[in-house]
Amino acid sequence: MFSKRKVYFISNWKEVKSESEENINSENEICIECGKNIFFDENRGLIVCEECGLVHSENHIDSGPEWRAFDADQKKKRTRTGAPMTYMIHDKGLSTMIDWKNRDIFGKEIPAKLRGQIYRLRKWQSRIRVSDATERNLTFALSELDRMASNLDLQKNLRECSAKIYRDAVEAHLIRGRSIEGVAAASLYAACRMYKVPRTLNEIAEVARVDKKEIGRSFRFISYELSLELNPTRPMDYLTRFISELELPTKCQKTAKMIIRMAEVRGLTSGRGPTGVCAAAIYASCILTNERRTQRKIARISCVTEVTVRNRFSELVENLNLGISLKKNHK
């Protein structure tokens, strides 16, 4: 009986606390006196109303550095911290590195009698950074990830996500019996799917050192074992990039977007590859807007065959009232 009452009071306290926090957050958005917006004054550490000047909160702690810098050189000299932590380095960038410039922290040259000792320290430091098989695995795999992401011109946060996926696969012992390059490429493809960056398996396979079949097999395995929440790719995800590479105008993109939406409503995209449907919609929009683009060029940009473009195009014309004659376009 006592335990039940205790749990009841604790739950009520949590509800009251959450309600009070919500009230505080809602009050901080607008002024309680005049209803106008409030802002944070960094110089004085106050939360003040911009209309009536009412002080809502004061004595805020400044979490920045205690020094000031007026140019880049002063900032570089006064900064006492290194680079931020990153998943793209096997030790997350937290280890110490001895520079090869033979200069101390003040820029003075190291005496000749100490250079031999510094050389030996530098050599052993580079050796102990990679101590076991797991770190050697991460060193090679993360360098491969960085190389593939650079070739595909992917952004930094996507690289960090792919490195985190690969680290999770290593911790779950999913690498044993599989190639490091295949799992690394699969992690990069999974990160692209998470961030909705339109990259196909063919594009990943072109920059990877394994074939498409191996990447697909590794991707299905790690996505199932790690329970990755990945939504199916849609033809709309590839439309902007394909239109940009084909150098088509905005009216063609709007027409292709309308065709894809009509196809999704009719269920013509289910069971078909998204790149093929997108390529067919672009080809149909080129015909409707009098923009001359061949099936071969569209197929090359979208990484599908010309037969796929023709088949998807025929399905769109037959099921959607686009006003396009198939006989005229197959000649």
Protein backbone atom coordinates (compact mmCIF):
# COMPACT_ATOMS: atom_id res chain seq x y z
CA MET A 1 0.00 0.00 0.00
CA PHE A 2 2.79 2.38 0.89
CA SER A 3 4.68 1.67 -2.31
CA LYS A 4 1.62 2.40 -4.43
CA ARG A 5 1.03 5.74 -2.71
CA LYS A 6 4.71 6.58 -3.07
CA VAL A 7 4.65 5.92 -6.80
CA TYR A 8 1.48 7.97 -7.09
CA PHE A 9 3.01 11.01 -5.41
CA ILE A 10 6.21 10.73 -7.45
CA SER A 11 4.25 10.57 -10.70
CA ASN A 12 2.22 13.63 -9.66
CA TRP A 13 5.42 15.49 -8.83
CA LYS A 14 6.85 14.70 -12.25
CA GLU A 15 3.67 15.92 -13.92
CA VAL A 16 3.73 19.15 -11.92
CA LYS A 17 7.41 19.63 -12.72
CA SER A 18 6.86 19.11 -16.44
CA GLU A 19 3.90 21.50 -16.40
CA SER A 20 5.94 24.17 -14.60
CA GLU A 21 8.80 23.77 -17.09
CA GLU A 22 6.36 24.14 -19.97
CA ASN A 23 4.96 27.30 -18.37
CA ILE A 24 8.46 28.73 -17.96
CA ASN A 25 9.32 27.97 -21.58
CA SER A 26 6.06 29.48 -22.79
CA GLU A 27 6.64 32.60 -20.67
CA ASN A 28 10.16 33.00 -22.05
CA GLU A 29 8.84 33.24 -25.60
CA ILE A 30 6.72 36.37 -25.03
CA CYS A 31 6.63 39.09 -22.40
CA ILE A 32 4.13 38.56 -19.59
CA GLU A 33 3.63 42.33 -19.29
CA CYS A 34 3.01 43.53 -22.84
CA GLY A 35 2.92 40.31 -24.89
CA LYS A 36 5.83 41.27 -27.15
CA ASN A 37 8.91 39.20 -27.98
CA ILE A 38 11.82 38.91 -25.56
CA PHE A 39 15.52 38.46 -26.33
CA PHE A 40 18.75 37.51 -24.55
CA ASP A 41 21.26 40.32 -23.96
CA GLU A 42 24.66 38.60 -24.08
CA ASN A 43 26.61 41.61 -22.78
CA ARG A 44 24.64 41.91 -19.53
CA GLY A 45 23.34 38.33 -19.18
CA LEU A 46 19.68 39.36 -19.10
CA ILE A 47 16.48 38.17 -20.76
CA VAL A 48 14.68 41.43 -21.56
CA CYS A 49 11.50 42.41 -23.36
CA GLU A 50 12.29 44.35 -26.51
CA GLU A 51 9.20 46.57 -26.13
CA CYS A 52 8.74 47.52 -22.46
CA GLY A 53 12.19 46.57 -21.12
CA LEU A 54 10.92 44.18 -18.42
CA VAL A 55 13.73 41.91 -17.14
CA HIS A 56 12.49 38.31 -17.09
CA SER A 57 15.73 36.68 -15.91
CA GLU A 58 19.22 37.80 -14.95
CA ASN A 59 22.68 36.56 -13.89
CA HIS A 60 22.99 34.05 -16.73
CA ILE A 61 26.32 32.20 -16.86
CA ASP A 62 28.49 32.84 -19.91
CA SER A 63 29.70 29.46 -21.21
CA GLY A 64 32.18 31.01 -23.65
CA PRO A 65 35.93 31.63 -23.16
CA GLU A 66 37.20 34.15 -20.63
CA TRP A 67 39.47 35.82 -23.21
CA ARG A 68 38.74 38.03 -26.21
CA ALA A 69 40.27 37.94 -29.68
CA PHE A 70 40.12 40.71 -32.26
CA ASP A 71 41.59 38.82 -35.23
CA ALA A 72 42.33 35.27 -36.38
CA ASP A 73 45.94 35.31 -35.13
CA GLN A 74 44.93 36.24 -31.59
CA LYS A 75 42.23 33.58 -31.59
CA LYS A 76 44.72 30.94 -32.74
CA LYS A 77 47.26 31.89 -30.06
CA ARG A 78 44.79 32.08 -27.18
CA THR A 79 42.81 28.95 -27.99
CA ARG A 80 43.78 26.15 -25.59
CA THR A 81 41.61 23.37 -26.99
CA GLY A 82 42.07 21.11 -29.98
CA ALA A 83 39.75 19.93 -32.70
CA PRO A 84 36.26 18.68 -31.73
CA MET A 85 35.55 15.00 -31.22
CA THR A 86 34.74 13.16 -34.43
CA TYR A 87 33.71 9.62 -35.35
CA MET A 88 35.80 9.77 -38.53
CA ILE A 89 39.01 9.00 -36.58
CA HIS A 90 39.44 5.62 -34.92
CA ASP A 91 40.19 7.16 -31.50
CA LYS A 92 37.63 9.98 -32.05
CA GLY A 93 40.47 12.50 -32.28
CA LEU A 94 41.22 12.37 -28.54
CA SER A 95 44.78 11.05 -28.73
CA THR A 96 47.95 13.15 -28.75
CA MET A 97 49.97 13.74 -31.91
CA ILE A 98 53.60 14.91 -31.94
CA ASP A 99 54.21 17.30 -34.81
CA TRP A 100 57.05 16.83 -37.34
CA LYS A 101 58.13 20.49 -37.38
CA ASN A 102 60.72 20.08 -34.57
CA ARG A 103 59.39 23.16 -32.79
CA ASP A 104 57.96 23.56 -29.31
CA ILE A 105 54.68 25.19 -28.32
CA PHE A 106 56.24 28.67 -28.42
CA GLY A 107 57.59 28.20 -31.97
CA LYS A 108 61.22 27.80 -30.94
CA GLU A 109 63.37 25.16 -32.59
CA ILE A 110 64.16 22.03 -30.58
CA PRO A 111 67.92 21.68 -29.84
CA ALA A 112 69.81 19.18 -31.96
CA LYS A 113 70.71 16.98 -28.98
CA LEU A 114 67.01 16.42 -28.20
CA ARG A 115 65.82 15.73 -31.74
CA GLY A 116 66.74 12.04 -31.58
CA GLN A 117 64.69 11.60 -28.44
CA ILE A 118 61.75 13.48 -29.96
CA TYR A 119 61.99 11.28 -33.07
CA ARG A 120 61.77 8.11 -30.97
CA LEU A 121 58.86 9.51 -28.97
CA ARG A 122 57.06 10.42 -32.17
CA LYS A 123 57.61 6.94 -33.64
CA TRP A 124 56.32 5.10 -30.57
CA GLN A 125 53.40 7.49 -30.22
CA SER A 126 52.27 6.71 -33.77
CA ARG A 127 52.58 2.98 -33.03
CA ILE A 128 50.60 2.92 -29.80
CA ARG A 129 47.73 4.93 -31.33
CA VAL A 130 46.68 1.74 -33.15
CA SER A 131 47.14 -1.00 -30.59
CA ASP A 132 44.73 -3.86 -31.38
CA ALA A 133 42.87 -5.43 -34.31
CA THR A 134 39.69 -3.43 -33.73
CA GLU A 135 41.51 -0.11 -34.01
CA ARG A 136 43.33 -1.29 -37.14
CA ASN A 137 39.95 -2.26 -38.60
CA LEU A 138 38.50 1.16 -37.79
CA THR A 139 41.55 2.97 -39.16
CA PHE A 140 41.25 1.30 -42.55
CA ALA A 141 37.44 1.41 -42.73
CA LEU A 142 37.12 5.08 -41.74
CA SER A 143 39.74 6.09 -44.29
CA GLU A 144 37.72 4.22 -46.93
CA LEU A 145 34.55 5.98 -45.79
CA ASP A 146 36.22 9.37 -46.07
CA ARG A 147 37.54 8.54 -49.54
CA MET A 148 34.16 7.40 -50.86
CA ALA A 149 32.33 10.35 -49.30
CA SER A 150 34.84 12.77 -50.85
CA ASN A 151 34.34 11.24 -54.30
CA LEU A 152 30.56 11.53 -53.90
CA ASP A 153 30.86 15.08 -52.49
CA LEU A 154 28.86 14.27 -49.35
CA GLN A 155 28.52 16.64 -46.41
CA LYS A 156 30.25 16.28 -43.05
CA ASN A 157 27.26 15.29 -40.91
CA LEU A 158 26.48 12.43 -43.30
CA ARG A 159 30.07 11.19 -43.00
CA GLU A 160 29.79 11.26 -39.21
CA CYS A 161 26.55 9.27 -39.41
CA SER A 162 28.11 6.62 -41.66
CA ALA A 163 31.10 6.32 -39.31
CA LYS A 164 28.75 5.89 -36.34
CA ILE A 165 26.86 3.12 -38.17
CA TYR A 166 30.12 1.31 -38.93
CA ARG A 167 31.24 1.63 -35.29
CA ASP A 168 27.93 0.13 -34.15
CA ALA A 169 28.45 -2.75 -36.58
CA VAL A 170 31.94 -3.36 -35.17
CA GLU A 171 30.66 -3.31 -31.58
CA ALA A 172 27.90 -5.78 -32.53
CA HIS A 173 30.52 -8.11 -34.13
CA LEU A 174 28.87 -7.90 -37.56
CA ILE A 175 32.11 -7.48 -39.53
CA ARG A 176 33.42 -11.01 -39.05
CA GLY A 177 33.18 -13.00 -42.28
CA ARG A 178 32.53 -9.91 -44.42
CA SER A 179 34.77 -7.51 -46.26
CA ILE A 180 35.59 -4.22 -44.58
CA GLU A 181 35.05 -2.30 -47.83
CA GLY A 182 31.60 -3.84 -48.31
CA VAL A 183 30.36 -2.97 -44.81
CA ALA A 184 31.86 0.54 -45.06
CA ALA A 185 30.10 1.16 -48.39
CA ALA A 186 26.85 -0.24 -46.94
CA SER A 187 27.17 2.12 -43.95
CA LEU A 188 27.61 5.06 -46.31
CA TYR A 189 24.55 4.02 -48.32
CA ALA A 190 22.51 3.65 -45.10
CA ALA A 191 23.55 7.16 -44.02
CA CYS A 192 22.46 8.52 -47.40
CA ARG A 193 19.08 6.85 -46.93
CA MET A 194 18.75 8.32 -43.42
CA TYR A 195 19.50 11.86 -44.58
CA LYS A 196 17.42 11.41 -47.76
CA VAL A 197 20.40 12.16 -49.98
CA PRO A 198 19.68 10.64 -53.42
CA ARG A 199 22.54 8.21 -54.04
CA THR A 200 21.94 4.87 -55.72
CA LEU A 201 23.76 1.59 -55.13
CA ASN A 202 25.35 1.93 -58.56
CA GLU A 203 26.89 5.27 -57.60
CA ILE A 204 28.20 3.85 -54.32
CA ALA A 205 29.62 0.83 -56.18
CA GLU A 206 31.47 3.08 -58.65
CA VAL A 207 33.57 4.68 -55.89
CA ALA A 208 33.81 1.55 -53.71
CA ARG A 209 36.24 -1.32 -54.20
CA VAL A 210 33.51 -3.97 -54.09
CA ASP A 211 30.65 -4.75 -56.43
CA LYS A 212 27.02 -3.73 -56.11
CA LYS A 213 25.88 -7.18 -55.03
CA GLU A 214 28.23 -7.25 -52.05
CA ILE A 215 27.16 -3.75 -50.94
CA GLY A 216 23.48 -4.66 -51.15
CA ARG A 217 23.99 -7.86 -49.17
CA SER A 218 25.93 -6.05 -46.44
CA PHE A 219 23.37 -3.23 -46.35
CA ARG A 220 20.44 -5.59 -45.82
CA PHE A 221 22.34 -7.43 -43.09
CA ILE A 222 23.43 -4.41 -41.02
CA SER A 223 20.09 -2.62 -41.43
CA TYR A 224 18.32 -5.68 -40.02
CA GLU A 225 20.79 -6.40 -37.21
CA LEU A 226 21.10 -2.75 -36.10
CA SER A 227 17.35 -2.06 -36.56
CA LEU A 228 17.97 1.02 -38.70
CA GLU A 229 14.84 3.06 -39.37
CA LEU A 230 15.06 3.59 -43.12
CA ASN A 231 12.14 4.71 -45.25
CA PRO A 232 11.84 3.48 -48.85
CA THR A 233 13.25 5.85 -51.43
CA ARG A 234 10.75 7.70 -53.61
CA PRO A 235 11.10 8.95 -57.20
CA MET A 236 10.69 12.50 -55.86
CA ASP A 237 13.98 12.16 -53.94
CA TYR A 238 15.98 11.91 -57.19
CA LEU A 239 14.07 14.49 -59.22
CA THR A 240 15.99 17.64 -58.26
CA ARG A 241 19.42 16.11 -58.87
CA PHE A 242 18.48 14.56 -62.22
CA ILE A 243 16.89 17.81 -63.41
CA SER A 244 20.02 19.73 -62.42
CA GLU A 245 22.38 17.32 -64.19
CA LEU A 246 20.22 17.40 -67.34
CA GLU A 247 20.15 21.24 -67.21
CA LEU A 248 16.38 21.40 -67.60
CA PRO A 249 14.27 24.49 -66.76
CA THR A 250 11.96 24.90 -63.79
CA LYS A 251 8.79 24.31 -65.80
CA CYS A 252 10.07 20.86 -66.75
CA GLN A 253 10.73 20.05 -63.09
CA LYS A 254 7.22 21.15 -62.09
CA THR A 255 5.68 19.00 -64.82
CA ALA A 256 7.75 15.96 -63.80
CA LYS A 257 6.77 16.49 -60.15
CA MET A 258 3.09 16.57 -61.13
CA ILE A 259 3.49 13.34 -63.14
CA ILE A 260 5.21 11.57 -60.22
CA ARG A 261 2.47 12.61 -57.81
CA MET A 262 -0.21 11.34 -60.18
CA ALA A 263 1.69 8.05 -60.53
CA GLU A 264 1.93 7.67 -56.75
CA VAL A 265 -1.81 8.23 -56.37
CA ARG A 266 -2.55 5.60 -59.04
CA GLY A 267 -0.10 3.14 -57.45
CA LEU A 268 2.22 3.03 -60.46
CA THR A 269 5.37 3.44 -58.34
CA SER A 270 4.89 0.38 -56.14
CA GLY A 271 7.15 -2.48 -57.16
CA ARG A 272 9.18 -0.28 -59.53
CA GLY A 273 12.60 1.21 -59.07
CA PRO A 274 12.38 4.87 -58.03
CA THR A 275 15.12 5.96 -60.43
CA GLY A 276 13.33 4.36 -63.40
CA VAL A 277 10.02 6.04 -62.57
CA CYS A 278 11.78 9.37 -62.07
CA ALA A 279 13.60 9.03 -65.41
CA ALA A 280 10.34 8.22 -67.22
CA ALA A 281 8.59 11.20 -65.63
CA ILE A 282 11.43 13.49 -66.71
CA TYR A 283 11.28 12.12 -70.25
CA ALA A 284 7.51 12.70 -70.38
CA SER A 285 7.90 16.24 -69.03
CA CYS A 286 10.54 16.96 -71.70
CA ILE A 287 8.03 15.97 -74.39
CA LEU A 288 5.27 18.10 -72.85
CA THR A 289 7.51 21.17 -72.46
CA ASN A 290 9.30 20.78 -75.84
CA GLU A 291 12.71 20.17 -74.26
CA ARG A 292 14.82 17.82 -76.37
CA ARG A 293 16.50 15.15 -74.21
CA THR A 294 17.14 11.66 -75.53
CA GLN A 295 16.28 8.48 -73.67
CA ARG A 296 19.95 7.51 -73.71
CA LYS A 297 21.05 10.68 -71.93
CA ILE A 298 18.30 10.46 -69.31
CA ALA A 299 19.09 6.77 -68.73
CA ARG A 300 22.80 7.53 -68.30
CA ILE A 301 22.12 10.27 -65.74
CA SER A 302 19.63 8.16 -63.78
CA CYS A 303 21.82 4.99 -63.86
CA VAL A 304 19.16 2.82 -65.55
CA THR A 305 18.85 1.25 -68.98
CA GLU A 306 16.99 2.70 -71.94
CA VAL A 307 14.61 -0.27 -71.86
CA THR A 308 13.63 0.63 -68.29
CA VAL A 309 12.94 4.23 -69.31
CA ARG A 310 10.76 3.08 -72.23
CA ASN A 311 8.81 0.57 -70.13
CA ARG A 312 8.12 3.03 -67.30
CA PHE A 313 7.25 5.74 -69.84
CA SER A 314 4.74 3.44 -71.54
CA GLU A 315 3.09 2.66 -68.20
CA LEU A 316 2.77 6.35 -67.36
CA VAL A 317 1.27 7.23 -70.75
CA GLU A 318 -1.19 4.33 -70.69
CA ASN A 319 -2.46 4.93 -67.14
CA LEU A 320 -2.25 8.73 -66.96
CA ASN A 321 -3.98 11.14 -69.30
CA LEU A 322 -0.83 12.96 -70.44
CA GLY A 323 -1.84 13.58 -74.05
CA ILE A 324 1.24 11.82 -75.48
CA SER A 325 1.10 9.34 -78.35
CA LEU A 326 3.24 6.23 -77.88
CA LYS A 327 3.58 5.51 -81.60
CA LYS A 328 4.97 8.95 -82.29
CA ASN A 329 7.61 8.70 -79.56
CA HIS A 330 8.73 5.15 -80.37
CA LYS A 331 9.66 5.99 -83.93
